[in-house]
Amino acid sequence: MVPKVVSVLVVVVFGVMASVVDAAGPTRGADRLTGAVAGAGIHPLFGTSPFTDGTVGESDGLTATGGGLITFDFSGVGLGIVSVLYGYTCLSAERNVSTHRFVVLRSTNTTLAPVGATGLSSVIDRVGTPNPDTDRVLLFAPPPPPQEPCSREDRAILDTAPVISLSVTSGTWSVHDGLPGYP
């Protein structure tokens, strides 16, 4: 179980990020991803561990803003709690799927998640279904494909990569597809 201090930190960081977005108002014609979640993460080397994630991000199709804080409890494998503050470098949505690239801005374990490392992730918002929201995360992602970052080609990378699979047990991610088309 993730300690309450970490959970409170996620809620506080998420609240601050959400208030900044709310103050400016959501951008019209933007793809967005928001959420505050907790659940189980399956790491390819470390097995199953609890996680929390709070995120607010959006993109006008050219520039992405926002980011979040994700925390994994790797105490079961002797690594303790690892918290990573990340910022989006691109974000796009297609119906209920958000694909995004991010950069690590701060980390409590720079061996596992060094500052400056880039990653790729794809959230599936299962709104209206009995299935939980899910995410696939790849740290140390290859460079974006030549077409455009945050595209279907990026999502295809996750199909064969050693990703961390996340499954939500409380909270929800919300994906908003506000731009026409999808790269």
N, C-alpha and C. Protein backbone atom coordinates (compact mmCIF):
# COMPACT_ATOMS: atom_id res chain seq x y z
N MET A 1 0.84 -1.17 0.00
CA MET A 1 0.00 0.00 0.00
C MET A 1 0.88 1.24 0.00
N VAL A 2 0.52 2.26 -0.75
CA VAL A 2 1.30 3.49 -0.80
C VAL A 2 0.98 4.31 0.45
N PRO A 3 2.00 4.79 1.15
CA PRO A 3 1.77 5.56 2.36
C PRO A 3 0.88 6.78 2.11
N LYS A 4 0.15 7.17 3.17
CA LYS A 4 -0.79 8.29 3.05
C LYS A 4 -0.09 9.58 2.68
N VAL A 5 1.15 9.79 3.14
CA VAL A 5 1.88 11.02 2.82
C VAL A 5 2.04 11.15 1.31
N VAL A 6 2.39 10.06 0.64
CA VAL A 6 2.57 10.08 -0.80
C VAL A 6 1.23 10.34 -1.48
N SER A 7 0.16 9.68 -1.01
CA SER A 7 -1.16 9.88 -1.59
C SER A 7 -1.60 11.33 -1.45
N VAL A 8 -1.35 11.93 -0.28
CA VAL A 8 -1.71 13.33 -0.07
C VAL A 8 -0.90 14.21 -1.00
N LEU A 9 0.39 13.91 -1.18
CA LEU A 9 1.22 14.68 -2.09
C LEU A 9 0.68 14.64 -3.51
N VAL A 10 0.25 13.48 -3.96
CA VAL A 10 -0.33 13.36 -5.30
C VAL A 10 -1.57 14.23 -5.42
N VAL A 11 -2.44 14.17 -4.42
CA VAL A 11 -3.67 14.97 -4.45
C VAL A 11 -3.34 16.45 -4.44
N VAL A 12 -2.36 16.89 -3.62
CA VAL A 12 -1.99 18.30 -3.56
C VAL A 12 -1.41 18.75 -4.90
N VAL A 13 -0.46 17.99 -5.45
CA VAL A 13 0.13 18.36 -6.74
C VAL A 13 -0.93 18.39 -7.82
N PHE A 14 -1.80 17.37 -7.86
CA PHE A 14 -2.86 17.33 -8.85
C PHE A 14 -3.78 18.54 -8.68
N GLY A 15 -4.13 18.87 -7.44
CA GLY A 15 -5.01 20.01 -7.17
C GLY A 15 -4.41 21.32 -7.65
N VAL A 16 -3.11 21.51 -7.42
CA VAL A 16 -2.44 22.72 -7.87
C VAL A 16 -2.43 22.79 -9.39
N MET A 17 -2.11 21.66 -10.05
CA MET A 17 -2.09 21.65 -11.52
C MET A 17 -3.48 21.90 -12.07
N ALA A 18 -4.51 21.31 -11.48
CA ALA A 18 -5.87 21.48 -11.94
C ALA A 18 -6.32 22.93 -11.77
N SER A 19 -5.92 23.57 -10.67
CA SER A 19 -6.34 24.95 -10.46
C SER A 19 -5.68 25.88 -11.46
N VAL A 20 -4.45 25.59 -11.87
CA VAL A 20 -3.80 26.39 -12.90
C VAL A 20 -4.54 26.27 -14.22
N VAL A 21 -4.92 25.04 -14.59
CA VAL A 21 -5.68 24.84 -15.83
C VAL A 21 -7.05 25.49 -15.71
N ASP A 22 -7.72 25.33 -14.56
CA ASP A 22 -9.04 25.93 -14.37
C ASP A 22 -8.99 27.44 -14.45
N ALA A 23 -7.94 28.05 -13.88
CA ALA A 23 -7.83 29.50 -13.88
C ALA A 23 -7.73 30.03 -15.30
N ALA A 24 -6.99 29.33 -16.14
CA ALA A 24 -6.85 29.77 -17.52
C ALA A 24 -8.04 29.32 -18.36
N GLY A 25 -8.75 28.32 -17.88
CA GLY A 25 -9.86 27.76 -18.65
C GLY A 25 -9.33 26.78 -19.67
N PRO A 26 -10.10 25.73 -19.97
CA PRO A 26 -9.62 24.78 -20.96
C PRO A 26 -9.54 25.42 -22.35
N THR A 27 -8.54 25.03 -23.08
CA THR A 27 -8.35 25.52 -24.43
C THR A 27 -9.40 24.91 -25.35
N ARG A 28 -10.02 25.74 -26.17
CA ARG A 28 -10.97 25.19 -27.15
C ARG A 28 -10.18 24.46 -28.21
N GLY A 29 -10.74 23.38 -28.72
CA GLY A 29 -10.05 22.61 -29.75
C GLY A 29 -8.76 22.02 -29.25
N ALA A 30 -8.82 21.35 -28.10
CA ALA A 30 -7.61 20.76 -27.54
C ALA A 30 -7.88 19.32 -27.14
N ASP A 31 -6.86 18.48 -27.29
CA ASP A 31 -6.89 17.13 -26.72
C ASP A 31 -6.43 17.26 -25.28
N ARG A 32 -7.11 16.55 -24.36
CA ARG A 32 -6.77 16.67 -22.95
C ARG A 32 -6.73 15.31 -22.27
N LEU A 33 -5.91 15.22 -21.22
CA LEU A 33 -5.86 14.07 -20.33
C LEU A 33 -5.79 14.61 -18.91
N THR A 34 -6.71 14.19 -18.06
CA THR A 34 -6.70 14.58 -16.65
C THR A 34 -7.01 13.36 -15.81
N GLY A 35 -6.66 13.40 -14.55
CA GLY A 35 -7.04 12.31 -13.67
C GLY A 35 -6.21 12.24 -12.41
N ALA A 36 -6.81 11.59 -11.42
CA ALA A 36 -6.12 11.25 -10.18
C ALA A 36 -6.52 9.81 -9.90
N VAL A 37 -5.55 8.90 -9.97
CA VAL A 37 -5.85 7.47 -9.89
C VAL A 37 -4.89 6.75 -8.96
N ALA A 38 -5.29 5.55 -8.58
CA ALA A 38 -4.43 4.62 -7.84
C ALA A 38 -4.74 3.23 -8.37
N GLY A 39 -3.79 2.34 -8.25
CA GLY A 39 -4.03 0.98 -8.73
C GLY A 39 -2.79 0.13 -8.63
N ALA A 40 -2.72 -0.85 -9.52
CA ALA A 40 -1.61 -1.80 -9.55
C ALA A 40 -0.82 -1.62 -10.85
N GLY A 41 0.49 -1.58 -10.70
CA GLY A 41 1.37 -1.51 -11.85
C GLY A 41 2.16 -2.79 -11.95
N ILE A 42 2.26 -3.34 -13.16
CA ILE A 42 3.04 -4.55 -13.38
C ILE A 42 4.30 -4.16 -14.14
N HIS A 43 5.42 -4.19 -13.44
CA HIS A 43 6.72 -3.84 -14.01
C HIS A 43 7.34 -5.11 -14.59
N PRO A 44 7.97 -5.03 -15.78
CA PRO A 44 8.53 -6.24 -16.39
C PRO A 44 9.63 -6.92 -15.56
N LEU A 45 10.32 -6.17 -14.69
CA LEU A 45 11.37 -6.75 -13.86
C LEU A 45 10.97 -6.91 -12.40
N PHE A 46 10.16 -5.99 -11.88
CA PHE A 46 9.87 -5.95 -10.44
C PHE A 46 8.52 -6.53 -10.06
N GLY A 47 7.72 -6.94 -11.02
CA GLY A 47 6.41 -7.52 -10.71
C GLY A 47 5.37 -6.46 -10.38
N THR A 48 4.38 -6.84 -9.58
CA THR A 48 3.25 -5.98 -9.28
C THR A 48 3.53 -5.09 -8.07
N SER A 49 3.24 -3.79 -8.22
CA SER A 49 3.41 -2.81 -7.14
C SER A 49 2.28 -1.81 -7.20
N PRO A 50 1.90 -1.25 -6.04
CA PRO A 50 0.89 -0.19 -6.06
C PRO A 50 1.45 1.09 -6.70
N PHE A 51 0.56 1.88 -7.31
CA PHE A 51 0.97 3.16 -7.87
C PHE A 51 -0.14 4.19 -7.66
N THR A 52 0.24 5.45 -7.73
CA THR A 52 -0.71 6.57 -7.81
C THR A 52 -0.24 7.47 -8.93
N ASP A 53 -1.17 8.18 -9.55
CA ASP A 53 -0.82 9.12 -10.61
C ASP A 53 -1.82 10.26 -10.60
N GLY A 54 -1.32 11.47 -10.68
CA GLY A 54 -2.15 12.65 -10.84
C GLY A 54 -1.63 13.42 -12.03
N THR A 55 -2.52 13.75 -12.98
CA THR A 55 -2.06 14.40 -14.20
C THR A 55 -3.07 15.40 -14.73
N VAL A 56 -2.57 16.45 -15.35
CA VAL A 56 -3.36 17.41 -16.10
C VAL A 56 -2.51 17.79 -17.30
N GLY A 57 -3.01 17.55 -18.51
CA GLY A 57 -2.27 17.91 -19.70
C GLY A 57 -3.19 18.18 -20.86
N GLU A 58 -2.71 18.98 -21.80
CA GLU A 58 -3.48 19.23 -23.01
C GLU A 58 -2.56 19.64 -24.14
N SER A 59 -3.10 19.56 -25.35
CA SER A 59 -2.34 19.92 -26.54
C SER A 59 -3.27 20.56 -27.56
N ASP A 60 -2.76 21.57 -28.24
CA ASP A 60 -3.51 22.21 -29.32
C ASP A 60 -3.13 21.58 -30.68
N GLY A 61 -2.40 20.48 -30.64
CA GLY A 61 -1.96 19.82 -31.86
C GLY A 61 -0.52 20.16 -32.20
N LEU A 62 -0.01 21.25 -31.64
CA LEU A 62 1.37 21.65 -31.88
C LEU A 62 2.20 21.63 -30.61
N THR A 63 1.62 22.10 -29.52
CA THR A 63 2.33 22.23 -28.25
C THR A 63 1.55 21.54 -27.14
N ALA A 64 2.24 20.77 -26.33
CA ALA A 64 1.63 20.13 -25.17
C ALA A 64 2.03 20.89 -23.92
N THR A 65 1.10 20.96 -22.97
CA THR A 65 1.37 21.57 -21.67
C THR A 65 0.94 20.61 -20.58
N GLY A 66 1.47 20.81 -19.40
CA GLY A 66 1.05 20.01 -18.25
C GLY A 66 1.99 18.86 -17.99
N GLY A 67 1.51 17.98 -17.13
CA GLY A 67 2.30 16.83 -16.71
C GLY A 67 1.67 16.21 -15.49
N GLY A 68 2.48 15.61 -14.63
CA GLY A 68 1.91 14.99 -13.46
C GLY A 68 2.97 14.43 -12.53
N LEU A 69 2.47 13.70 -11.54
CA LEU A 69 3.32 13.04 -10.56
C LEU A 69 2.85 11.61 -10.43
N ILE A 70 3.74 10.66 -10.69
CA ILE A 70 3.42 9.24 -10.52
C ILE A 70 4.33 8.67 -9.44
N THR A 71 3.77 7.80 -8.62
CA THR A 71 4.51 7.21 -7.52
C THR A 71 4.31 5.70 -7.53
N PHE A 72 5.39 4.96 -7.45
CA PHE A 72 5.35 3.51 -7.35
C PHE A 72 5.90 3.10 -6.00
N ASP A 73 5.30 2.10 -5.38
CA ASP A 73 5.81 1.55 -4.12
C ASP A 73 6.56 0.26 -4.45
N PHE A 74 7.88 0.40 -4.64
CA PHE A 74 8.73 -0.74 -4.95
C PHE A 74 9.37 -1.31 -3.68
N SER A 75 8.73 -1.09 -2.53
CA SER A 75 9.27 -1.59 -1.26
C SER A 75 9.40 -3.10 -1.28
N GLY A 76 8.51 -3.79 -1.96
CA GLY A 76 8.54 -5.25 -2.03
C GLY A 76 9.81 -5.80 -2.66
N VAL A 77 10.49 -4.98 -3.46
CA VAL A 77 11.74 -5.42 -4.08
C VAL A 77 12.93 -4.62 -3.55
N GLY A 78 12.72 -3.93 -2.42
CA GLY A 78 13.81 -3.23 -1.75
C GLY A 78 14.18 -1.87 -2.30
N LEU A 79 13.35 -1.30 -3.18
CA LEU A 79 13.68 -0.01 -3.79
C LEU A 79 12.93 1.16 -3.16
N GLY A 80 12.01 0.86 -2.25
CA GLY A 80 11.26 1.92 -1.58
C GLY A 80 10.24 2.58 -2.51
N ILE A 81 9.82 3.75 -2.10
CA ILE A 81 8.83 4.51 -2.87
C ILE A 81 9.56 5.39 -3.87
N VAL A 82 9.17 5.30 -5.13
CA VAL A 82 9.79 6.07 -6.20
C VAL A 82 8.73 7.03 -6.76
N SER A 83 9.02 8.33 -6.67
CA SER A 83 8.12 9.36 -7.18
C SER A 83 8.79 10.07 -8.35
N VAL A 84 8.02 10.28 -9.41
CA VAL A 84 8.54 10.92 -10.62
C VAL A 84 7.60 12.05 -11.03
N LEU A 85 8.14 13.26 -11.11
CA LEU A 85 7.42 14.40 -11.64
C LEU A 85 7.75 14.48 -13.13
N TYR A 86 6.73 14.54 -13.98
CA TYR A 86 6.96 14.52 -15.41
C TYR A 86 6.20 15.65 -16.10
N GLY A 87 6.72 16.04 -17.27
CA GLY A 87 6.07 17.05 -18.09
C GLY A 87 5.84 16.50 -19.49
N TYR A 88 4.70 16.87 -20.08
CA TYR A 88 4.37 16.38 -21.43
C TYR A 88 5.14 17.15 -22.50
N THR A 89 5.65 16.41 -23.49
CA THR A 89 6.27 17.02 -24.66
C THR A 89 5.34 16.94 -25.87
N CYS A 90 4.39 16.00 -25.83
CA CYS A 90 3.32 15.95 -26.82
C CYS A 90 2.17 15.15 -26.21
N LEU A 91 0.98 15.39 -26.70
CA LEU A 91 -0.20 14.69 -26.21
C LEU A 91 -1.24 14.72 -27.33
N SER A 92 -1.85 13.59 -27.60
CA SER A 92 -2.94 13.56 -28.58
C SER A 92 -3.96 12.53 -28.13
N ALA A 93 -5.18 12.69 -28.62
CA ALA A 93 -6.27 11.79 -28.24
C ALA A 93 -7.02 11.33 -29.47
N GLU A 94 -7.47 10.09 -29.39
CA GLU A 94 -8.34 9.51 -30.41
C GLU A 94 -9.45 8.80 -29.64
N ARG A 95 -10.63 9.37 -29.70
CA ARG A 95 -11.77 8.88 -28.92
C ARG A 95 -11.39 8.77 -27.45
N ASN A 96 -11.26 7.57 -26.91
CA ASN A 96 -10.99 7.38 -25.49
C ASN A 96 -9.53 7.00 -25.19
N VAL A 97 -8.62 7.18 -26.17
CA VAL A 97 -7.21 6.82 -26.00
C VAL A 97 -6.34 8.06 -26.12
N SER A 98 -5.50 8.27 -25.11
CA SER A 98 -4.55 9.38 -25.12
C SER A 98 -3.14 8.81 -25.28
N THR A 99 -2.39 9.35 -26.20
CA THR A 99 -0.99 8.95 -26.38
C THR A 99 -0.15 10.17 -26.06
N HIS A 100 0.89 9.99 -25.27
CA HIS A 100 1.70 11.13 -24.89
C HIS A 100 3.15 10.72 -24.66
N ARG A 101 4.03 11.68 -24.95
CA ARG A 101 5.44 11.57 -24.63
C ARG A 101 5.71 12.52 -23.48
N PHE A 102 6.65 12.14 -22.62
CA PHE A 102 6.94 12.96 -21.45
C PHE A 102 8.43 12.95 -21.16
N VAL A 103 8.84 13.90 -20.32
CA VAL A 103 10.23 13.97 -19.86
C VAL A 103 10.21 13.97 -18.33
N VAL A 104 11.15 13.27 -17.72
CA VAL A 104 11.27 13.23 -16.26
C VAL A 104 11.89 14.56 -15.80
N LEU A 105 11.14 15.28 -14.95
CA LEU A 105 11.60 16.57 -14.44
C LEU A 105 12.27 16.45 -13.08
N ARG A 106 11.77 15.51 -12.27
CA ARG A 106 12.32 15.27 -10.94
C ARG A 106 12.04 13.83 -10.57
N SER A 107 12.95 13.20 -9.83
CA SER A 107 12.80 11.80 -9.47
C SER A 107 13.44 11.53 -8.12
N THR A 108 12.79 10.68 -7.32
CA THR A 108 13.39 10.30 -6.04
C THR A 108 14.35 9.13 -6.20
N ASN A 109 14.41 8.53 -7.39
CA ASN A 109 15.36 7.45 -7.66
C ASN A 109 15.89 7.67 -9.09
N THR A 110 17.00 8.38 -9.18
CA THR A 110 17.53 8.73 -10.50
C THR A 110 18.21 7.56 -11.21
N THR A 111 18.36 6.43 -10.52
CA THR A 111 18.86 5.24 -11.20
C THR A 111 17.74 4.63 -12.04
N LEU A 112 16.54 4.54 -11.46
CA LEU A 112 15.39 3.99 -12.20
C LEU A 112 14.79 4.99 -13.17
N ALA A 113 14.72 6.25 -12.77
CA ALA A 113 14.10 7.29 -13.59
C ALA A 113 14.95 8.55 -13.54
N PRO A 114 16.00 8.61 -14.36
CA PRO A 114 16.89 9.78 -14.32
C PRO A 114 16.21 11.04 -14.86
N VAL A 115 16.54 12.16 -14.27
CA VAL A 115 16.03 13.44 -14.75
C VAL A 115 16.48 13.62 -16.20
N GLY A 116 15.54 14.03 -17.05
CA GLY A 116 15.83 14.20 -18.47
C GLY A 116 15.46 13.00 -19.32
N ALA A 117 15.20 11.86 -18.69
CA ALA A 117 14.80 10.67 -19.46
C ALA A 117 13.45 10.94 -20.12
N THR A 118 13.27 10.38 -21.30
CA THR A 118 12.00 10.56 -22.01
C THR A 118 11.22 9.25 -22.00
N GLY A 119 9.91 9.39 -22.02
CA GLY A 119 9.05 8.22 -21.99
C GLY A 119 7.88 8.38 -22.93
N LEU A 120 7.14 7.31 -23.06
CA LEU A 120 5.98 7.21 -23.94
C LEU A 120 4.90 6.47 -23.18
N SER A 121 3.66 6.92 -23.33
CA SER A 121 2.58 6.31 -22.58
C SER A 121 1.28 6.41 -23.37
N SER A 122 0.35 5.50 -23.08
CA SER A 122 -0.94 5.51 -23.76
C SER A 122 -2.03 5.09 -22.77
N VAL A 123 -2.89 6.03 -22.40
CA VAL A 123 -3.99 5.79 -21.47
C VAL A 123 -5.25 5.40 -22.23
N ILE A 124 -5.95 4.39 -21.72
CA ILE A 124 -7.27 4.05 -22.26
C ILE A 124 -8.30 4.37 -21.18
N ASP A 125 -9.17 5.33 -21.48
CA ASP A 125 -10.24 5.75 -20.58
C ASP A 125 -11.44 4.84 -20.87
N ARG A 126 -11.77 3.96 -19.94
CA ARG A 126 -12.84 2.97 -20.14
C ARG A 126 -14.19 3.51 -19.68
N VAL A 127 -14.40 4.81 -19.83
CA VAL A 127 -15.65 5.43 -19.39
C VAL A 127 -16.85 4.70 -20.00
N GLY A 128 -17.85 4.44 -19.18
CA GLY A 128 -19.07 3.78 -19.66
C GLY A 128 -18.96 2.28 -19.79
N THR A 129 -17.84 1.70 -19.34
CA THR A 129 -17.68 0.24 -19.39
C THR A 129 -17.38 -0.26 -17.98
N PRO A 130 -17.55 -1.56 -17.73
CA PRO A 130 -17.20 -2.08 -16.41
C PRO A 130 -15.70 -2.32 -16.23
N ASN A 131 -14.91 -2.09 -17.28
CA ASN A 131 -13.47 -2.35 -17.23
C ASN A 131 -12.73 -1.15 -16.63
N PRO A 132 -11.61 -1.40 -15.92
CA PRO A 132 -10.84 -0.29 -15.34
C PRO A 132 -10.04 0.45 -16.42
N ASP A 133 -9.76 1.74 -16.14
CA ASP A 133 -8.85 2.49 -17.00
C ASP A 133 -7.48 1.80 -16.96
N THR A 134 -6.74 1.89 -18.06
CA THR A 134 -5.42 1.28 -18.12
C THR A 134 -4.41 2.23 -18.76
N ASP A 135 -3.16 1.93 -18.58
CA ASP A 135 -2.08 2.71 -19.17
C ASP A 135 -0.91 1.77 -19.42
N ARG A 136 -0.13 2.09 -20.44
CA ARG A 136 1.13 1.39 -20.70
C ARG A 136 2.21 2.47 -20.72
N VAL A 137 3.27 2.26 -19.94
CA VAL A 137 4.32 3.27 -19.80
C VAL A 137 5.65 2.66 -20.22
N LEU A 138 6.36 3.38 -21.05
CA LEU A 138 7.70 2.97 -21.48
C LEU A 138 8.66 4.12 -21.17
N LEU A 139 9.54 3.90 -20.20
CA LEU A 139 10.59 4.89 -19.93
C LEU A 139 11.76 4.55 -20.84
N PHE A 140 12.51 5.55 -21.22
CA PHE A 140 13.62 5.40 -22.19
C PHE A 140 13.07 5.03 -23.56
N ALA A 141 12.04 5.76 -23.98
CA ALA A 141 11.41 5.51 -25.27
C ALA A 141 12.33 5.92 -26.42
N PRO A 142 12.20 5.23 -27.55
CA PRO A 142 12.98 5.62 -28.72
C PRO A 142 12.49 6.98 -29.22
N PRO A 143 13.26 7.64 -30.09
CA PRO A 143 12.81 8.94 -30.62
C PRO A 143 11.47 8.80 -31.33
N PRO A 144 10.73 9.91 -31.44
CA PRO A 144 9.44 9.83 -32.13
C PRO A 144 9.61 9.43 -33.59
N PRO A 145 8.57 8.79 -34.15
CA PRO A 145 8.64 8.43 -35.56
C PRO A 145 8.67 9.69 -36.43
N PRO A 146 9.12 9.56 -37.69
CA PRO A 146 9.25 10.75 -38.53
C PRO A 146 7.91 11.44 -38.82
N GLN A 147 6.80 10.68 -38.77
CA GLN A 147 5.50 11.30 -39.08
C GLN A 147 5.22 12.43 -38.09
N GLU A 148 4.98 12.10 -36.87
CA GLU A 148 4.78 13.06 -35.79
C GLU A 148 4.81 12.30 -34.49
N PRO A 149 5.26 12.94 -33.40
CA PRO A 149 5.16 12.28 -32.11
C PRO A 149 3.70 12.19 -31.68
N CYS A 150 3.43 11.30 -30.75
CA CYS A 150 2.09 11.09 -30.19
C CYS A 150 1.11 10.64 -31.26
N SER A 151 1.54 9.72 -32.09
CA SER A 151 0.72 9.23 -33.19
C SER A 151 0.41 7.75 -33.00
N ARG A 152 -0.32 7.20 -33.94
CA ARG A 152 -0.58 5.76 -33.92
C ARG A 152 0.73 4.97 -33.96
N GLU A 153 1.74 5.51 -34.65
CA GLU A 153 3.04 4.85 -34.71
C GLU A 153 3.68 4.78 -33.32
N ASP A 154 3.50 5.83 -32.52
CA ASP A 154 3.98 5.80 -31.15
C ASP A 154 3.27 4.71 -30.36
N ARG A 155 1.95 4.62 -30.50
CA ARG A 155 1.20 3.58 -29.79
C ARG A 155 1.67 2.20 -30.20
N ALA A 156 2.03 2.02 -31.46
CA ALA A 156 2.50 0.72 -31.94
C ALA A 156 3.80 0.31 -31.27
N ILE A 157 4.65 1.28 -30.91
CA ILE A 157 5.89 0.99 -30.19
C ILE A 157 5.56 0.28 -28.88
N LEU A 158 4.50 0.71 -28.22
CA LEU A 158 4.12 0.14 -26.92
C LEU A 158 3.63 -1.30 -27.04
N ASP A 159 3.20 -1.71 -28.22
CA ASP A 159 2.68 -3.08 -28.40
C ASP A 159 3.77 -4.14 -28.24
N THR A 160 5.02 -3.78 -28.50
CA THR A 160 6.10 -4.77 -28.44
C THR A 160 7.18 -4.43 -27.42
N ALA A 161 7.05 -3.29 -26.74
CA ALA A 161 8.08 -2.86 -25.79
C ALA A 161 7.83 -3.44 -24.39
N PRO A 162 8.88 -3.50 -23.57
CA PRO A 162 8.72 -3.96 -22.17
C PRO A 162 8.13 -2.84 -21.31
N VAL A 163 6.82 -2.68 -21.36
CA VAL A 163 6.14 -1.58 -20.69
C VAL A 163 5.76 -1.92 -19.26
N ILE A 164 5.51 -0.87 -18.48
CA ILE A 164 4.87 -1.01 -17.18
C ILE A 164 3.37 -0.90 -17.45
N SER A 165 2.63 -1.94 -17.14
CA SER A 165 1.17 -1.95 -17.36
C SER A 165 0.49 -1.48 -16.09
N LEU A 166 -0.36 -0.46 -16.22
CA LEU A 166 -1.07 0.10 -15.08
C LEU A 166 -2.56 -0.19 -15.19
N SER A 167 -3.16 -0.59 -14.10
CA SER A 167 -4.60 -0.83 -14.05
C SER A 167 -5.17 -0.08 -12.85
N VAL A 168 -6.18 0.75 -13.09
CA VAL A 168 -6.74 1.63 -12.07
C VAL A 168 -7.75 0.87 -11.21
N THR A 169 -7.62 1.04 -9.89
CA THR A 169 -8.61 0.47 -8.96
C THR A 169 -9.42 1.55 -8.27
N SER A 170 -8.92 2.79 -8.25
CA SER A 170 -9.72 3.90 -7.74
C SER A 170 -9.36 5.17 -8.50
N GLY A 171 -10.36 6.03 -8.67
CA GLY A 171 -10.18 7.24 -9.46
C GLY A 171 -10.38 6.93 -10.93
N THR A 172 -10.12 7.91 -11.77
CA THR A 172 -10.28 7.71 -13.20
C THR A 172 -9.41 8.69 -13.98
N TRP A 173 -8.95 8.26 -15.13
CA TRP A 173 -8.36 9.17 -16.10
C TRP A 173 -9.47 9.60 -17.03
N SER A 174 -9.41 10.82 -17.50
CA SER A 174 -10.41 11.32 -18.45
C SER A 174 -9.69 11.81 -19.70
N VAL A 175 -10.04 11.22 -20.84
CA VAL A 175 -9.46 11.59 -22.13
C VAL A 175 -10.50 12.40 -22.89
N HIS A 176 -10.10 13.57 -23.39
CA HIS A 176 -10.98 14.40 -24.20
C HIS A 176 -10.36 14.58 -25.57
N ASP A 177 -11.06 14.08 -26.58
CA ASP A 177 -10.63 14.19 -27.99
C ASP A 177 -11.25 15.46 -28.56
N GLY A 178 -10.47 16.56 -28.53
CA GLY A 178 -11.01 17.85 -28.94
C GLY A 178 -10.50 18.36 -30.27
N LEU A 179 -9.62 17.61 -30.92
CA LEU A 179 -9.07 18.05 -32.20
C LEU A 179 -9.52 17.10 -33.30
N PRO A 180 -9.78 17.61 -34.49
CA PRO A 180 -10.15 16.71 -35.58
C PRO A 180 -8.95 15.88 -36.03
N GLY A 181 -9.23 14.64 -36.40
CA GLY A 181 -8.17 13.76 -36.91
C GLY A 181 -7.26 13.28 -35.83
N TYR A 182 -6.29 12.48 -36.23
CA TYR A 182 -5.31 11.92 -35.31
C TYR A 182 -4.08 11.61 -36.15
N PRO A 183 -2.91 12.05 -35.69
CA PRO A 183 -1.71 11.82 -36.51
C PRO A 183 -1.45 10.35 -36.76
